[in-house]
Amino acid sequence: MKSMVDLSHEFLKPVLHKQAICIDATLGQGKDTDFFLSQNVHKVYGFEIQKDVFESTKKRFVDQKICFYNVGHEHMNEYIHEEVDAIIFNFGYFPQGNHEITTQSSSSVSAVKQALHLLKVKGRMALVMYPHESGQEEAKCMEQFLKTQTTIQVQKVQNLLVDHCPYVLLIEKRR
């Protein structure tokens, strides 16, 4: 079976084209940025709050199509002033880093709210949720927020046989 990140990439692929604007809202090592660039998109914005992770990942990329910011994703509306085709978030913590540093419910919901405003009609967003101990509250808050939104369609994909495993929320903006 495919991973939740792989399913996210498949879901985002139809909206990626040569003029596509994308956001890797949780940059980490840049795997989602790599995916966007492999699809020959026009521009990728990336956000990473951890300075050491940010610096390491930024060094790996020399592409003119990338705009990286060493700030939390809840500040994206301060840096992005154009409509976006595709957005991906991987919530939780950086697996090779400090597991004490995790995404938080309030900033994550704020970031997704901003991302929905930036997303074009028919644009797509994938939220990979990791409901580990601290991530369970974040996942619950995210789902509660999304249920109040009237301009989107959302599908939840998860493994039925495993409790507290990663899952993905696939979002398409309808209007």
C-alpha atoms as a PDB file:
ATOM      1  CA  MET A   1       0.000   0.000   0.000  1.00  0.00           C
ATOM      2  CA  LYS A   2       1.034   3.570  -0.563  1.00  0.00           C
ATOM      3  CA  SER A   3       2.025   5.903   2.253  1.00  0.00           C
ATOM      4  CA  MET A   4      -0.196   8.841   3.158  1.00  0.00           C
ATOM      5  CA  VAL A   5       2.403  11.194   1.659  1.00  0.00           C
ATOM      6  CA  ASP A   6       2.367   9.219  -1.612  1.00  0.00           C
ATOM      7  CA  LEU A   7      -1.454   9.374  -1.655  1.00  0.00           C
ATOM      8  CA  SER A   8      -1.206  13.134  -1.046  1.00  0.00           C
ATOM      9  CA  HIS A   9       1.118  13.538  -4.014  1.00  0.00           C
ATOM     10  CA  GLU A  10      -1.233  11.565  -6.273  1.00  0.00           C
ATOM     11  CA  PHE A  11      -4.135  13.745  -5.153  1.00  0.00           C
ATOM     12  CA  LEU A  12      -2.211  16.985  -5.822  1.00  0.00           C
ATOM     13  CA  LYS A  13      -0.791  15.936  -9.200  1.00  0.00           C
ATOM     14  CA  PRO A  14      -3.821  16.900 -11.359  1.00  0.00           C
ATOM     15  CA  VAL A  15      -3.518  20.593 -10.381  1.00  0.00           C
ATOM     16  CA  LEU A  16       0.230  20.810 -11.026  1.00  0.00           C
ATOM     17  CA  HIS A  17       1.321  22.429 -14.292  1.00  0.00           C
ATOM     18  CA  LYS A  18       4.061  24.709 -15.615  1.00  0.00           C
ATOM     19  CA  GLN A  19       2.507  27.833 -14.078  1.00  0.00           C
ATOM     20  CA  ALA A  20       1.449  26.201 -10.782  1.00  0.00           C
ATOM     21  CA  ILE A  21       2.210  27.942  -7.500  1.00  0.00           C
ATOM     22  CA  CYS A  22       2.662  25.548  -4.573  1.00  0.00           C
ATOM     23  CA  ILE A  23       3.252  25.629  -0.832  1.00  0.00           C
ATOM     24  CA  ASP A  24       5.259  23.125   1.195  1.00  0.00           C
ATOM     25  CA  ALA A  25       3.924  24.353   4.525  1.00  0.00           C
ATOM     26  CA  THR A  26       6.054  22.005   6.654  1.00  0.00           C
ATOM     27  CA  LEU A  27       9.334  21.926   4.753  1.00  0.00           C
ATOM     28  CA  GLY A  28      11.436  19.514   6.801  1.00  0.00           C
ATOM     29  CA  GLN A  29      13.977  17.909   4.448  1.00  0.00           C
ATOM     30  CA  GLY A  30      12.084  19.161   1.405  1.00  0.00           C
ATOM     31  CA  LYS A  31      10.585  15.899   0.143  1.00  0.00           C
ATOM     32  CA  ASP A  32       7.333  17.595  -0.842  1.00  0.00           C
ATOM     33  CA  THR A  33       9.282  20.433  -2.465  1.00  0.00           C
ATOM     34  CA  ASP A  34      11.196  17.768  -4.431  1.00  0.00           C
ATOM     35  CA  PHE A  35       7.863  16.338  -5.555  1.00  0.00           C
ATOM     36  CA  PHE A  36       6.540  19.740  -6.674  1.00  0.00           C
ATOM     37  CA  LEU A  37       9.737  20.494  -8.601  1.00  0.00           C
ATOM     38  CA  SER A  38       9.610  17.055 -10.264  1.00  0.00           C
ATOM     39  CA  GLN A  39       6.252  18.148 -11.684  1.00  0.00           C
ATOM     40  CA  ASN A  40       7.891  21.210 -13.269  1.00  0.00           C
ATOM     41  CA  VAL A  41       5.830  23.772 -11.343  1.00  0.00           C
ATOM     42  CA  HIS A  42       6.475  27.521 -11.573  1.00  0.00           C
ATOM     43  CA  LYS A  43       7.129  28.300  -7.876  1.00  0.00           C
ATOM     44  CA  VAL A  44       7.291  26.620  -4.461  1.00  0.00           C
ATOM     45  CA  TYR A  45       6.992  28.440  -1.154  1.00  0.00           C
ATOM     46  CA  GLY A  46       8.406  26.538   1.819  1.00  0.00           C
ATOM     47  CA  PHE A  47       8.020  27.160   5.555  1.00  0.00           C
ATOM     48  CA  GLU A  48      10.138  25.623   8.316  1.00  0.00           C
ATOM     49  CA  ILE A  49      10.271  26.812  11.919  1.00  0.00           C
ATOM     50  CA  GLN A  50      13.405  24.910  13.026  1.00  0.00           C
ATOM     51  CA  LYS A  51      16.497  26.949  12.101  1.00  0.00           C
ATOM     52  CA  ASP A  52      18.908  24.007  11.744  1.00  0.00           C
ATOM     53  CA  VAL A  53      16.481  21.992   9.612  1.00  0.00           C
ATOM     54  CA  PHE A  54      15.721  25.074   7.525  1.00  0.00           C
ATOM     55  CA  GLU A  55      19.409  25.847   6.888  1.00  0.00           C
ATOM     56  CA  SER A  56      20.223  22.242   5.989  1.00  0.00           C
ATOM     57  CA  THR A  57      17.320  21.949   3.562  1.00  0.00           C
ATOM     58  CA  LYS A  58      17.883  25.378   2.011  1.00  0.00           C
ATOM     59  CA  LYS A  59      21.484  24.413   1.155  1.00  0.00           C
ATOM     60  CA  ARG A  60      20.214  21.380  -0.742  1.00  0.00           C
ATOM     61  CA  PHE A  61      18.131  23.497  -3.131  1.00  0.00           C
ATOM     62  CA  VAL A  62      19.580  26.043  -5.548  1.00  0.00           C
ATOM     63  CA  ASP A  63      16.502  26.349  -7.715  1.00  0.00           C
ATOM     64  CA  GLN A  64      15.256  29.849  -8.579  1.00  0.00           C
ATOM     65  CA  LYS A  65      11.685  28.567  -8.333  1.00  0.00           C
ATOM     66  CA  ILE A  66      11.865  28.246  -4.532  1.00  0.00           C
ATOM     67  CA  CYS A  67      11.082  30.805  -1.838  1.00  0.00           C
ATOM     68  CA  PHE A  68      11.963  29.443   1.623  1.00  0.00           C
ATOM     69  CA  TYR A  69      11.065  31.089   4.920  1.00  0.00           C
ATOM     70  CA  ASN A  70      12.361  30.245   8.390  1.00  0.00           C
ATOM     71  CA  VAL A  71       9.038  31.006  10.079  1.00  0.00           C
ATOM     72  CA  GLY A  72       6.018  29.015  11.154  1.00  0.00           C
ATOM     73  CA  HIS A  73       3.403  28.225   8.518  1.00  0.00           C
ATOM     74  CA  GLU A  74       0.882  30.337  10.449  1.00  0.00           C
ATOM     75  CA  HIS A  75       2.676  33.363   8.954  1.00  0.00           C
ATOM     76  CA  MET A  76       2.216  32.392   5.297  1.00  0.00           C
ATOM     77  CA  ASN A  77      -0.206  35.228   4.555  1.00  0.00           C
ATOM     78  CA  GLU A  78       2.612  37.686   5.374  1.00  0.00           C
ATOM     79  CA  TYR A  79       4.784  36.193   2.593  1.00  0.00           C
ATOM     80  CA  ILE A  80       2.429  34.929  -0.100  1.00  0.00           C
ATOM     81  CA  HIS A  81       0.338  37.401  -2.084  1.00  0.00           C
ATOM     82  CA  GLU A  82      -0.877  35.296  -4.991  1.00  0.00           C
ATOM     83  CA  GLU A  83      -3.327  32.474  -5.551  1.00  0.00           C
ATOM     84  CA  VAL A  84      -1.976  28.969  -5.062  1.00  0.00           C
ATOM     85  CA  ASP A  85      -2.716  25.716  -6.918  1.00  0.00           C
ATOM     86  CA  ALA A  86      -1.493  23.127  -4.393  1.00  0.00           C
ATOM     87  CA  ILE A  87      -0.548  23.003  -0.716  1.00  0.00           C
ATOM     88  CA  ILE A  88       0.764  20.217   1.479  1.00  0.00           C
ATOM     89  CA  PHE A  89       1.190  20.004   5.244  1.00  0.00           C
ATOM     90  CA  ASN A  90       2.812  17.171   7.219  1.00  0.00           C
ATOM     91  CA  PHE A  91       1.842  17.820  10.823  1.00  0.00           C
ATOM     92  CA  GLY A  92       3.677  16.536  13.887  1.00  0.00           C
ATOM     93  CA  TYR A  93       7.423  16.625  14.401  1.00  0.00           C
ATOM     94  CA  PHE A  94      10.528  16.297  12.261  1.00  0.00           C
ATOM     95  CA  PRO A  95      11.350  12.557  12.512  1.00  0.00           C
ATOM     96  CA  GLN A  96      15.146  13.057  12.513  1.00  0.00           C
ATOM     97  CA  GLY A  97      14.953  16.040  14.850  1.00  0.00           C
ATOM     98  CA  ASN A  98      13.794  17.019  18.301  1.00  0.00           C
ATOM     99  CA  HIS A  99      10.466  15.283  18.923  1.00  0.00           C
ATOM    100  CA  GLU A 100       9.659  17.883  21.578  1.00  0.00           C
ATOM    101  CA  ILE A 101       9.171  20.432  18.784  1.00  0.00           C
ATOM    102  CA  THR A 102       5.809  19.672  17.205  1.00  0.00           C
ATOM    103  CA  THR A 103       3.180  21.509  15.256  1.00  0.00           C
ATOM    104  CA  GLN A 104       0.468  22.924  17.520  1.00  0.00           C
ATOM    105  CA  SER A 105      -3.312  22.956  17.113  1.00  0.00           C
ATOM    106  CA  SER A 106      -3.793  26.726  17.198  1.00  0.00           C
ATOM    107  CA  SER A 107      -1.006  27.610  14.749  1.00  0.00           C
ATOM    108  CA  SER A 108      -1.860  24.686  12.459  1.00  0.00           C
ATOM    109  CA  VAL A 109      -5.536  25.611  12.223  1.00  0.00           C
ATOM    110  CA  SER A 110      -4.544  29.232  11.624  1.00  0.00           C
ATOM    111  CA  ALA A 111      -2.185  28.141   8.830  1.00  0.00           C
ATOM    112  CA  VAL A 112      -4.821  25.971   7.139  1.00  0.00           C
ATOM    113  CA  LYS A 113      -7.345  28.820   7.391  1.00  0.00           C
ATOM    114  CA  GLN A 114      -4.858  31.120   5.626  1.00  0.00           C
ATOM    115  CA  ALA A 115      -4.053  28.405   3.092  1.00  0.00           C
ATOM    116  CA  LEU A 116      -7.738  28.038   2.212  1.00  0.00           C
ATOM    117  CA  HIS A 117      -7.880  31.768   1.419  1.00  0.00           C
ATOM    118  CA  LEU A 118      -4.784  31.500  -0.789  1.00  0.00           C
ATOM    119  CA  LEU A 119      -6.008  28.396  -2.607  1.00  0.00           C
ATOM    120  CA  LYS A 120      -7.524  28.885  -6.054  1.00  0.00           C
ATOM    121  CA  VAL A 121     -10.967  27.548  -6.818  1.00  0.00           C
ATOM    122  CA  LYS A 122     -10.373  23.894  -7.834  1.00  0.00           C
ATOM    123  CA  GLY A 123      -7.006  24.080  -6.053  1.00  0.00           C
ATOM    124  CA  ARG A 124      -6.047  21.190  -3.801  1.00  0.00           C
ATOM    125  CA  MET A 125      -4.559  20.797  -0.362  1.00  0.00           C
ATOM    126  CA  ALA A 126      -3.356  17.681   1.458  1.00  0.00           C
ATOM    127  CA  LEU A 127      -3.040  17.509   5.242  1.00  0.00           C
ATOM    128  CA  VAL A 128      -1.059  14.529   6.511  1.00  0.00           C
ATOM    129  CA  MET A 129      -2.000  14.029  10.150  1.00  0.00           C
ATOM    130  CA  TYR A 130       0.129  12.096  12.632  1.00  0.00           C
ATOM    131  CA  PRO A 131      -2.070  11.479  15.676  1.00  0.00           C
ATOM    132  CA  HIS A 132       0.733  10.582  18.096  1.00  0.00           C
ATOM    133  CA  GLU A 133       0.193  11.620  21.707  1.00  0.00           C
ATOM    134  CA  SER A 134       0.406  15.398  21.174  1.00  0.00           C
ATOM    135  CA  GLY A 135      -0.924  15.135  17.610  1.00  0.00           C
ATOM    136  CA  GLN A 136      -4.292  13.681  18.613  1.00  0.00           C
ATOM    137  CA  GLU A 137      -5.565  17.033  19.856  1.00  0.00           C
ATOM    138  CA  GLU A 138      -4.220  18.743  16.738  1.00  0.00           C
ATOM    139  CA  ALA A 139      -6.006  16.236  14.481  1.00  0.00           C
ATOM    140  CA  LYS A 140      -9.256  16.675  16.410  1.00  0.00           C
ATOM    141  CA  CYS A 141      -9.069  20.494  16.201  1.00  0.00           C
ATOM    142  CA  MET A 142      -8.235  20.357  12.489  1.00  0.00           C
ATOM    143  CA  GLU A 143     -11.199  18.134  11.683  1.00  0.00           C
ATOM    144  CA  GLN A 144     -13.536  20.305  13.755  1.00  0.00           C
ATOM    145  CA  PHE A 145     -12.346  23.396  11.878  1.00  0.00           C
ATOM    146  CA  LEU A 146     -12.699  21.782   8.444  1.00  0.00           C
ATOM    147  CA  LYS A 147     -16.254  20.672   9.210  1.00  0.00           C
ATOM    148  CA  THR A 148     -17.244  24.353   9.505  1.00  0.00           C
ATOM    149  CA  GLN A 149     -15.958  25.261   6.035  1.00  0.00           C
ATOM    150  CA  THR A 150     -18.522  25.630   3.245  1.00  0.00           C
ATOM    151  CA  THR A 151     -16.235  26.278   0.252  1.00  0.00           C
ATOM    152  CA  ILE A 152     -14.435  22.925   0.241  1.00  0.00           C
ATOM    153  CA  GLN A 153     -14.857  19.195  -0.202  1.00  0.00           C
ATOM    154  CA  VAL A 154     -12.840  16.968   2.164  1.00  0.00           C
ATOM    155  CA  GLN A 155     -12.033  13.266   2.100  1.00  0.00           C
ATOM    156  CA  LYS A 156     -10.355  11.420   4.944  1.00  0.00           C
ATOM    157  CA  VAL A 157      -8.148   8.437   4.054  1.00  0.00           C
ATOM    158  CA  GLN A 158      -6.901   6.193   6.841  1.00  0.00           C
ATOM    159  CA  ASN A 159      -5.968   2.634   7.674  1.00  0.00           C
ATOM    160  CA  LEU A 160      -9.044   1.072   9.230  1.00  0.00           C
ATOM    161  CA  LEU A 161      -7.069  -1.665  10.978  1.00  0.00           C
ATOM    162  CA  VAL A 162      -4.555   0.474  12.913  1.00  0.00           C
ATOM    163  CA  ASP A 163      -5.394   2.938  15.689  1.00  0.00           C
ATOM    164  CA  HIS A 164      -3.510   6.252  15.885  1.00  0.00           C
ATOM    165  CA  CYS A 165      -1.742   5.813  12.556  1.00  0.00           C
ATOM    166  CA  PRO A 166      -1.059   8.595  10.042  1.00  0.00           C
ATOM    167  CA  TYR A 167      -3.964   9.608   7.840  1.00  0.00           C
ATOM    168  CA  VAL A 168      -4.585  12.221   5.207  1.00  0.00           C
ATOM    169  CA  LEU A 169      -7.272  14.852   4.690  1.00  0.00           C
ATOM    170  CA  LEU A 170      -7.659  15.644   0.998  1.00  0.00           C
ATOM    171  CA  ILE A 171      -9.238  19.029   0.273  1.00  0.00           C
ATOM    172  CA  GLU A 172     -10.471  20.633  -2.907  1.00  0.00           C
ATOM    173  CA  LYS A 173     -11.723  24.207  -2.963  1.00  0.00           C
ATOM    174  CA  ARG A 174     -15.116  24.364  -4.660  1.00  0.00           C
ATOM    175  CA  ARG A 175     -15.853  28.101  -4.557  1.00  0.00           C
END
